Amino acid sequence: MQSRPTPAPAWIAPAEAIVAAYLEEADGDAILALHRAVADALTDLCEAERRTLRRDRLISHGYVRGRPDRDA
């Protein structure tokens, strides 16, 4: 009895497209493509972290400003 092939995870096709784009941009140099991909990923990660911290500060500030006056 033959088993059915396991379908590829949904992220495979987009990942292959990204790899192909980085390799093309690096003229086929896999090491350069990898370095650029990692640098771009780290840049995006830092930007996401910055935005998260800013959002958290805005939310915290909103809670403090919206707090009812206890002495009233």
PDB file of N, CA and C in Angstrom:
ATOM      1  N   MET A   1       0.835  -1.168   0.000  1.00  0.00           N
ATOM      2  CA  MET A   1       0.000   0.000   0.000  1.00  0.00           C
ATOM      3  C   MET A   1       0.889   1.244   0.000  1.00  0.00           C
ATOM      4  N   GLN A   2       0.637   2.153  -0.960  1.00  0.00           N
ATOM      5  CA  GLN A   2       1.433   3.370  -1.066  1.00  0.00           C
ATOM      6  C   GLN A   2       0.818   4.478  -0.229  1.00  0.00           C
ATOM      7  N   SER A   3       1.683   5.209   0.431  1.00  0.00           N
ATOM      8  CA  SER A   3       1.183   6.356   1.194  1.00  0.00           C
ATOM      9  C   SER A   3       1.176   7.584   0.286  1.00  0.00           C
ATOM     10  N   ARG A   4       0.270   8.470   0.576  1.00  0.00           N
ATOM     11  CA  ARG A   4       0.191   9.709  -0.196  1.00  0.00           C
ATOM     12  C   ARG A   4       1.361  10.609   0.172  1.00  0.00           C
ATOM     13  N   PRO A   5       1.858  11.360  -0.815  1.00  0.00           N
ATOM     14  CA  PRO A   5       2.950  12.287  -0.474  1.00  0.00           C
ATOM     15  C   PRO A   5       2.446  13.362   0.477  1.00  0.00           C
ATOM     16  N   THR A   6       3.303  13.720   1.388  1.00  0.00           N
ATOM     17  CA  THR A   6       2.957  14.760   2.349  1.00  0.00           C
ATOM     18  C   THR A   6       2.991  16.109   1.646  1.00  0.00           C
ATOM     19  N   PRO A   7       1.916  16.893   1.789  1.00  0.00           N
ATOM     20  CA  PRO A   7       1.945  18.210   1.139  1.00  0.00           C
ATOM     21  C   PRO A   7       2.989  19.118   1.780  1.00  0.00           C
ATOM     22  N   ALA A   8       3.567  19.974   0.961  1.00  0.00           N
ATOM     23  CA  ALA A   8       4.576  20.909   1.460  1.00  0.00           C
ATOM     24  C   ALA A   8       3.904  21.955   2.337  1.00  0.00           C
ATOM     25  N   PRO A   9       4.589  22.389   3.393  1.00  0.00           N
ATOM     26  CA  PRO A   9       4.026  23.457   4.226  1.00  0.00           C
ATOM     27  C   PRO A   9       3.746  24.704   3.386  1.00  0.00           C
ATOM     28  N   ALA A  10       2.811  25.509   3.830  1.00  0.00           N
ATOM     29  CA  ALA A  10       2.380  26.687   3.073  1.00  0.00           C
ATOM     30  C   ALA A  10       3.505  27.704   2.878  1.00  0.00           C
ATOM     31  N   TRP A  11       4.494  27.722   3.743  1.00  0.00           N
ATOM     32  CA  TRP A  11       5.557  28.722   3.638  1.00  0.00           C
ATOM     33  C   TRP A  11       6.622  28.371   2.616  1.00  0.00           C
ATOM     34  N   ILE A  12       6.616  27.152   2.086  1.00  0.00           N
ATOM     35  CA  ILE A  12       7.670  26.712   1.160  1.00  0.00           C
ATOM     36  C   ILE A  12       7.710  27.550  -0.111  1.00  0.00           C
ATOM     37  N   ALA A  13       6.585  27.723  -0.771  1.00  0.00           N
ATOM     38  CA  ALA A  13       6.573  28.468  -2.041  1.00  0.00           C
ATOM     39  C   ALA A  13       7.041  29.911  -1.859  1.00  0.00           C
ATOM     40  N   PRO A  14       6.508  30.654  -0.870  1.00  0.00           N
ATOM     41  CA  PRO A  14       7.027  32.017  -0.689  1.00  0.00           C
ATOM     42  C   PRO A  14       8.511  32.037  -0.332  1.00  0.00           C
ATOM     43  N   ALA A  15       8.957  31.080   0.464  1.00  0.00           N
ATOM     44  CA  ALA A  15      10.376  31.023   0.841  1.00  0.00           C
ATOM     45  C   ALA A  15      11.244  30.789  -0.392  1.00  0.00           C
ATOM     46  N   GLU A  16      10.808  29.919  -1.280  1.00  0.00           N
ATOM     47  CA  GLU A  16      11.576  29.660  -2.503  1.00  0.00           C
ATOM     48  C   GLU A  16      11.642  30.903  -3.375  1.00  0.00           C
ATOM     49  N   ALA A  17      10.554  31.656  -3.429  1.00  0.00           N
ATOM     50  CA  ALA A  17      10.543  32.891  -4.214  1.00  0.00           C
ATOM     51  C   ALA A  17      11.507  33.916  -3.620  1.00  0.00           C
ATOM     52  N   ILE A  18      11.544  34.002  -2.303  1.00  0.00           N
ATOM     53  CA  ILE A  18      12.451  34.940  -1.632  1.00  0.00           C
ATOM     54  C   ILE A  18      13.900  34.534  -1.881  1.00  0.00           C
ATOM     55  N   VAL A  19      14.183  33.258  -1.757  1.00  0.00           N
ATOM     56  CA  VAL A  19      15.541  32.755  -2.012  1.00  0.00           C
ATOM     57  C   VAL A  19      15.961  33.080  -3.438  1.00  0.00           C
ATOM     58  N   ALA A  20      15.070  32.822  -4.388  1.00  0.00           N
ATOM     59  CA  ALA A  20      15.385  33.086  -5.794  1.00  0.00           C
ATOM     60  C   ALA A  20      15.665  34.573  -6.018  1.00  0.00           C
ATOM     61  N   ALA A  21      14.881  35.441  -5.383  1.00  0.00           N
ATOM     62  CA  ALA A  21      15.076  36.887  -5.548  1.00  0.00           C
ATOM     63  C   ALA A  21      16.420  37.328  -4.970  1.00  0.00           C
ATOM     64  N   TYR A  22      16.771  36.823  -3.788  1.00  0.00           N
ATOM     65  CA  TYR A  22      18.057  37.193  -3.189  1.00  0.00           C
ATOM     66  C   TYR A  22      19.218  36.658  -4.020  1.00  0.00           C
ATOM     67  N   LEU A  23      19.097  35.436  -4.536  1.00  0.00           N
ATOM     68  CA  LEU A  23      20.167  34.884  -5.372  1.00  0.00           C
ATOM     69  C   LEU A  23      20.330  35.674  -6.664  1.00  0.00           C
ATOM     70  N   GLU A  24      19.208  36.068  -7.250  1.00  0.00           N
ATOM     71  CA  GLU A  24      19.279  36.859  -8.485  1.00  0.00           C
ATOM     72  C   GLU A  24      19.947  38.205  -8.210  1.00  0.00           C
ATOM     73  N   GLU A  25      19.555  38.851  -7.127  1.00  0.00           N
ATOM     74  CA  GLU A  25      20.127  40.152  -6.761  1.00  0.00           C
ATOM     75  C   GLU A  25      21.630  40.038  -6.493  1.00  0.00           C
ATOM     76  N   ALA A  26      22.053  38.896  -5.968  1.00  0.00           N
ATOM     77  CA  ALA A  26      23.475  38.679  -5.646  1.00  0.00           C
ATOM     78  C   ALA A  26      24.222  37.990  -6.787  1.00  0.00           C
ATOM     79  N   ASP A  27      23.635  37.991  -7.974  1.00  0.00           N
ATOM     80  CA  ASP A  27      24.258  37.362  -9.155  1.00  0.00           C
ATOM     81  C   ASP A  27      24.678  35.921  -8.892  1.00  0.00           C
ATOM     82  N   GLY A  28      23.840  35.181  -8.151  1.00  0.00           N
ATOM     83  CA  GLY A  28      24.084  33.766  -7.913  1.00  0.00           C
ATOM     84  C   GLY A  28      25.034  33.465  -6.769  1.00  0.00           C
ATOM     85  N   ASP A  29      25.558  34.463  -6.107  1.00  0.00           N
ATOM     86  CA  ASP A  29      26.475  34.274  -4.982  1.00  0.00           C
ATOM     87  C   ASP A  29      25.641  33.932  -3.742  1.00  0.00           C
ATOM     88  N   ALA A  30      25.614  32.648  -3.378  1.00  0.00           N
ATOM     89  CA  ALA A  30      24.759  32.182  -2.284  1.00  0.00           C
ATOM     90  C   ALA A  30      25.145  32.792  -0.938  1.00  0.00           C
ATOM     91  N   ILE A  31      26.432  32.959  -0.695  1.00  0.00           N
ATOM     92  CA  ILE A  31      26.875  33.534   0.582  1.00  0.00           C
ATOM     93  C   ILE A  31      26.439  34.993   0.682  1.00  0.00           C
ATOM     94  N   LEU A  32      26.616  35.758  -0.372  1.00  0.00           N
ATOM     95  CA  LEU A  32      26.191  37.156  -0.379  1.00  0.00           C
ATOM     96  C   LEU A  32      24.672  37.247  -0.218  1.00  0.00           C
ATOM     97  N   ALA A  33      23.947  36.380  -0.901  1.00  0.00           N
ATOM     98  CA  ALA A  33      22.485  36.367  -0.795  1.00  0.00           C
ATOM     99  C   ALA A  33      22.051  36.067   0.639  1.00  0.00           C
ATOM    100  N   LEU A  34      22.712  35.111   1.265  1.00  0.00           N
ATOM    101  CA  LEU A  34      22.394  34.765   2.653  1.00  0.00           C
ATOM    102  C   LEU A  34      22.675  35.941   3.590  1.00  0.00           C
ATOM    103  N   HIS A  35      23.811  36.580   3.412  1.00  0.00           N
ATOM    104  CA  HIS A  35      24.163  37.740   4.251  1.00  0.00           C
ATOM    105  C   HIS A  35      23.117  38.838   4.101  1.00  0.00           C
ATOM    106  N   ARG A  36      22.709  39.110   2.879  1.00  0.00           N
ATOM    107  CA  ARG A  36      21.709  40.165   2.650  1.00  0.00           C
ATOM    108  C   ARG A  36      20.358  39.789   3.251  1.00  0.00           C
ATOM    109  N   ALA A  37      19.972  38.527   3.100  1.00  0.00           N
ATOM    110  CA  ALA A  37      18.687  38.078   3.647  1.00  0.00           C
ATOM    111  C   ALA A  37      18.675  38.188   5.173  1.00  0.00           C
ATOM    112  N   VAL A  38      19.760  37.782   5.801  1.00  0.00           N
ATOM    113  CA  VAL A  38      19.843  37.858   7.262  1.00  0.00           C
ATOM    114  C   VAL A  38      19.854  39.313   7.711  1.00  0.00           C
ATOM    115  N   ALA A  39      20.608  40.165   7.024  1.00  0.00           N
ATOM    116  CA  ALA A  39      20.655  41.588   7.382  1.00  0.00           C
ATOM    117  C   ALA A  39      19.270  42.215   7.249  1.00  0.00           C
ATOM    118  N   ASP A  40      18.558  41.898   6.170  1.00  0.00           N
ATOM    119  CA  ASP A  40      17.206  42.436   5.987  1.00  0.00           C
ATOM    120  C   ASP A  40      16.255  41.926   7.065  1.00  0.00           C
ATOM    121  N   ALA A  41      16.371  40.650   7.409  1.00  0.00           N
ATOM    122  CA  ALA A  41      15.502  40.073   8.444  1.00  0.00           C
ATOM    123  C   ALA A  41      15.765  40.739   9.800  1.00  0.00           C
ATOM    124  N   LEU A  42      17.024  40.965  10.127  1.00  0.00           N
ATOM    125  CA  LEU A  42      17.356  41.614  11.394  1.00  0.00           C
ATOM    126  C   LEU A  42      16.874  43.066  11.421  1.00  0.00           C
ATOM    127  N   THR A  43      16.989  43.757  10.300  1.00  0.00           N
ATOM    128  CA  THR A  43      16.478  45.123  10.206  1.00  0.00           C
ATOM    129  C   THR A  43      14.979  45.148  10.446  1.00  0.00           C
ATOM    130  N   ASP A  44      14.264  44.224   9.795  1.00  0.00           N
ATOM    131  CA  ASP A  44      12.816  44.140   9.983  1.00  0.00           C
ATOM    132  C   ASP A  44      12.455  43.794  11.423  1.00  0.00           C
ATOM    133  N   LEU A  45      13.213  42.895  12.028  1.00  0.00           N
ATOM    134  CA  LEU A  45      12.960  42.505  13.410  1.00  0.00           C
ATOM    135  C   LEU A  45      13.162  43.687  14.360  1.00  0.00           C
ATOM    136  N   CYS A  46      14.218  44.448  14.148  1.00  0.00           N
ATOM    137  CA  CYS A  46      14.470  45.623  14.993  1.00  0.00           C
ATOM    138  C   CYS A  46      13.357  46.652  14.826  1.00  0.00           C
ATOM    139  N   GLU A  47      12.896  46.865  13.608  1.00  0.00           N
ATOM    140  CA  GLU A  47      11.823  47.822  13.368  1.00  0.00           C
ATOM    141  C   GLU A  47      10.531  47.357  14.039  1.00  0.00           C
ATOM    142  N   ALA A  48      10.240  46.072  13.961  1.00  0.00           N
ATOM    143  CA  ALA A  48       9.040  45.544  14.619  1.00  0.00           C
ATOM    144  C   ALA A  48       9.135  45.714  16.131  1.00  0.00           C
ATOM    145  N   GLU A  49      10.308  45.478  16.686  1.00  0.00           N
ATOM    146  CA  GLU A  49      10.517  45.652  18.127  1.00  0.00           C
ATOM    147  C   GLU A  49      10.336  47.115  18.528  1.00  0.00           C
ATOM    148  N   ARG A  50      10.880  48.023  17.717  1.00  0.00           N
ATOM    149  CA  ARG A  50      10.742  49.450  17.988  1.00  0.00           C
ATOM    150  C   ARG A  50       9.264  49.852  17.989  1.00  0.00           C
ATOM    151  N   ARG A  51       8.529  49.372  17.009  1.00  0.00           N
ATOM    152  CA  ARG A  51       7.103  49.693  16.932  1.00  0.00           C
ATOM    153  C   ARG A  51       6.326  49.115  18.113  1.00  0.00           C
ATOM    154  N   THR A  52       6.673  47.905  18.520  1.00  0.00           N
ATOM    155  CA  THR A  52       6.003  47.282  19.662  1.00  0.00           C
ATOM    156  C   THR A  52       6.254  48.084  20.929  1.00  0.00           C
ATOM    157  N   LEU A  53       7.493  48.482  21.149  1.00  0.00           N
ATOM    158  CA  LEU A  53       7.821  49.272  22.342  1.00  0.00           C
ATOM    159  C   LEU A  53       7.096  50.614  22.322  1.00  0.00           C
ATOM    160  N   ARG A  54       7.039  51.248  21.159  1.00  0.00           N
ATOM    161  CA  ARG A  54       6.334  52.529  21.048  1.00  0.00           C
ATOM    162  C   ARG A  54       4.847  52.343  21.330  1.00  0.00           C
ATOM    163  N   ARG A  55       4.254  51.297  20.778  1.00  0.00           N
ATOM    164  CA  ARG A  55       2.833  51.020  21.014  1.00  0.00           C
ATOM    165  C   ARG A  55       2.579  50.772  22.497  1.00  0.00           C
ATOM    166  N   ASP A  56       3.446  49.990  23.128  1.00  0.00           N
ATOM    167  CA  ASP A  56       3.285  49.699  24.555  1.00  0.00           C
ATOM    168  C   ASP A  56       3.381  50.967  25.400  1.00  0.00           C
ATOM    169  N   ARG A  57       4.301  51.867  25.037  1.00  0.00           N
ATOM    170  CA  ARG A  57       4.418  53.134  25.777  1.00  0.00           C
ATOM    171  C   ARG A  57       3.155  53.972  25.601  1.00  0.00           C
ATOM    172  N   LEU A  58       2.625  54.000  24.366  1.00  0.00           N
ATOM    173  CA  LEU A  58       1.409  54.780  24.125  1.00  0.00           C
ATOM    174  C   LEU A  58       0.232  54.203  24.895  1.00  0.00           C
ATOM    175  N   ILE A  59       0.135  52.888  24.939  1.00  0.00           N
ATOM    176  CA  ILE A  59      -0.951  52.241  25.683  1.00  0.00           C
ATOM    177  C   ILE A  59      -0.809  52.543  27.166  1.00  0.00           C
ATOM    178  N   SER A  60       0.388  52.405  27.709  1.00  0.00           N
ATOM    179  CA  SER A  60       0.613  52.685  29.132  1.00  0.00           C
ATOM    180  C   SER A  60       0.284  54.135  29.441  1.00  0.00           C
ATOM    181  N   HIS A  61       0.703  55.042  28.594  1.00  0.00           N
ATOM    182  CA  HIS A  61       0.435  56.460  28.804  1.00  0.00           C
ATOM    183  C   HIS A  61      -1.073  56.717  28.785  1.00  0.00           C
ATOM    184  N   GLY A  62      -1.780  56.024  27.889  1.00  0.00           N
ATOM    185  CA  GLY A  62      -3.233  56.170  27.813  1.00  0.00           C
ATOM    186  C   GLY A  62      -3.923  55.696  29.075  1.00  0.00           C
ATOM    187  N   TYR A  63      -3.434  54.624  29.674  1.00  0.00           N
ATOM    188  CA  TYR A  63      -4.028  54.138  30.923  1.00  0.00           C
ATOM    189  C   TYR A  63      -3.806  55.139  32.062  1.00  0.00           C
ATOM    190  N   VAL A  64      -2.624  55.724  32.119  1.00  0.00           N
ATOM    191  CA  VAL A  64      -2.328  56.688  33.177  1.00  0.00           C
ATOM    192  C   VAL A  64      -3.197  57.938  32.996  1.00  0.00           C
ATOM    193  N   ARG A  65      -3.302  58.425  31.775  1.00  0.00           N
ATOM    194  CA  ARG A  65      -4.107  59.629  31.529  1.00  0.00           C
ATOM    195  C   ARG A  65      -5.595  59.365  31.744  1.00  0.00           C
ATOM    196  N   GLY A  66      -6.041  58.137  31.484  1.00  0.00           N
ATOM    197  CA  GLY A  66      -7.463  57.825  31.611  1.00  0.00           C
ATOM    198  C   GLY A  66      -7.880  57.410  33.006  1.00  0.00           C
ATOM    199  N   ARG A  67      -6.918  57.337  33.933  1.00  0.00           N
ATOM    200  CA  ARG A  67      -7.204  56.906  35.294  1.00  0.00           C
ATOM    201  C   ARG A  67      -8.071  57.960  36.008  1.00  0.00           C
ATOM    202  N   PRO A  68      -9.136  57.527  36.662  1.00  0.00           N
ATOM    203  CA  PRO A  68      -9.960  58.493  37.392  1.00  0.00           C
ATOM    204  C   PRO A  68      -9.200  59.092  38.566  1.00  0.00           C
ATOM    205  N   ASP A  69      -9.514  60.341  38.894  1.00  0.00           N
ATOM    206  CA  ASP A  69      -8.868  61.026  40.011  1.00  0.00           C
ATOM    207  C   ASP A  69      -9.359  60.407  41.313  1.00  0.00           C
ATOM    208  N   ARG A  70      -8.467  59.924  42.150  1.00  0.00           N
ATOM    209  CA  ARG A  70      -8.851  59.246  43.384  1.00  0.00           C
ATOM    210  C   ARG A  70      -9.335  60.221  44.454  1.00  0.00           C
ATOM    211  N   ASP A  71      -8.899  61.477  44.388  1.00  0.00           N
ATOM    212  CA  ASP A  71      -9.242  62.441  45.432  1.00  0.00           C
ATOM    213  C   ASP A  71     -10.611  63.085  45.208  1.00  0.00           C
ATOM    214  N   ALA A  72     -11.209  62.860  44.070  1.00  0.00           N
ATOM    215  CA  ALA A  72     -12.475  63.549  43.759  1.00  0.00           C
ATOM    216  C   ALA A  72     -13.643  62.931  44.470  1.00  0.00           C
TER     217      ALA A  72
END
